[in-house]
């Protein structure tokens, strides 16, 4: 069995796609929380974007 076939057997493409989506949602939601907290603390748009 080739290494690529072994990897596909362990981690099918659907599992890899689901993992990438979960990571993307997690990072995006964390960033949104940080931006919201910064705005609530009185940061202006320039400070939030830095």
C-alpha atoms as a PDB file:
ATOM      1  CA  UNK A   1       0.000   0.000   0.000  1.00  0.00           C
ATOM      2  CA  UNK A   2       1.430   3.384  -0.993  1.00  0.00           C
ATOM      3  CA  UNK A   3       1.842   6.121   1.626  1.00  0.00           C
ATOM      4  CA  UNK A   4      -0.828   8.261  -0.049  1.00  0.00           C
ATOM      5  CA  UNK A   5      -3.345   5.407   0.002  1.00  0.00           C
ATOM      6  CA  UNK A   6      -2.536   4.790   3.663  1.00  0.00           C
ATOM      7  CA  UNK A   7      -3.155   8.469   4.502  1.00  0.00           C
ATOM      8  CA  UNK A   8      -6.463   8.445   2.609  1.00  0.00           C
ATOM      9  CA  UNK A   9      -7.546   5.353   4.526  1.00  0.00           C
ATOM     10  CA  UNK A  10      -6.743   6.997   7.857  1.00  0.00           C
ATOM     11  CA  UNK A  11      -8.102  10.458   7.024  1.00  0.00           C
ATOM     12  CA  UNK A  12     -10.690  10.473   4.238  1.00  0.00           C
ATOM     13  CA  UNK A  13     -11.167  13.757   2.357  1.00  0.00           C
ATOM     14  CA  UNK A  14     -14.506  14.399   4.054  1.00  0.00           C
ATOM     15  CA  UNK A  15     -12.828  14.249   7.479  1.00  0.00           C
ATOM     16  CA  UNK A  16     -10.076  16.611   6.346  1.00  0.00           C
ATOM     17  CA  UNK A  17     -12.650  19.058   4.942  1.00  0.00           C
ATOM     18  CA  UNK A  18     -14.673  18.915   8.166  1.00  0.00           C
ATOM     19  CA  UNK A  19     -11.534  19.600  10.176  1.00  0.00           C
ATOM     20  CA  UNK A  20     -10.593  22.599   8.049  1.00  0.00           C
ATOM     21  CA  UNK A  21     -14.094  24.024   8.353  1.00  0.00           C
ATOM     22  CA  UNK A  22     -14.030  23.562  12.144  1.00  0.00           C
ATOM     23  CA  UNK A  23     -10.680  25.339  12.405  1.00  0.00           C
ATOM     24  CA  UNK A  24     -11.868  28.193  10.195  1.00  0.00           C
ATOM     25  CA  UNK A  25     -15.039  28.698  12.228  1.00  0.00           C
ATOM     26  CA  UNK A  26     -13.112  28.527  15.500  1.00  0.00           C
ATOM     27  CA  UNK A  27     -10.518  31.091  14.490  1.00  0.00           C
ATOM     28  CA  UNK A  28     -13.101  33.416  12.977  1.00  0.00           C
ATOM     29  CA  UNK A  29     -15.355  33.340  16.021  1.00  0.00           C
ATOM     30  CA  UNK A  30     -12.400  33.930  18.351  1.00  0.00           C
ATOM     31  CA  UNK A  31     -11.330  36.935  16.286  1.00  0.00           C
ATOM     32  CA  UNK A  32     -14.878  38.303  16.342  1.00  0.00           C
ATOM     33  CA  UNK A  33     -14.938  38.039  20.145  1.00  0.00           C
ATOM     34  CA  UNK A  34     -11.612  39.871  20.452  1.00  0.00           C
ATOM     35  CA  UNK A  35     -12.777  42.668  18.135  1.00  0.00           C
ATOM     36  CA  UNK A  36     -16.067  43.010  20.005  1.00  0.00           C
ATOM     37  CA  UNK A  37     -14.305  43.122  23.371  1.00  0.00           C
ATOM     38  CA  UNK A  38     -11.864  45.742  22.109  1.00  0.00           C
ATOM     39  CA  UNK A  39     -14.699  47.920  20.850  1.00  0.00           C
ATOM     40  CA  UNK A  40     -16.546  47.511  24.178  1.00  0.00           C
ATOM     41  CA  UNK A  41     -13.376  48.583  25.993  1.00  0.00           C
ATOM     42  CA  UNK A  42     -13.393  51.828  24.044  1.00  0.00           C
ATOM     43  CA  UNK A  43     -10.898  51.101  21.274  1.00  0.00           C
ATOM     44  CA  UNK A  44     -11.427  53.016  18.066  1.00  0.00           C
ATOM     45  CA  UNK A  45     -11.348  51.473  14.602  1.00  0.00           C
ATOM     46  CA  UNK A  46      -7.624  52.189  14.136  1.00  0.00           C
ATOM     47  CA  UNK A  47      -6.707  50.484  17.412  1.00  0.00           C
ATOM     48  CA  UNK A  48      -8.880  47.473  16.709  1.00  0.00           C
ATOM     49  CA  UNK A  49      -7.343  46.946  13.276  1.00  0.00           C
ATOM     50  CA  UNK A  50      -3.771  47.086  14.556  1.00  0.00           C
END
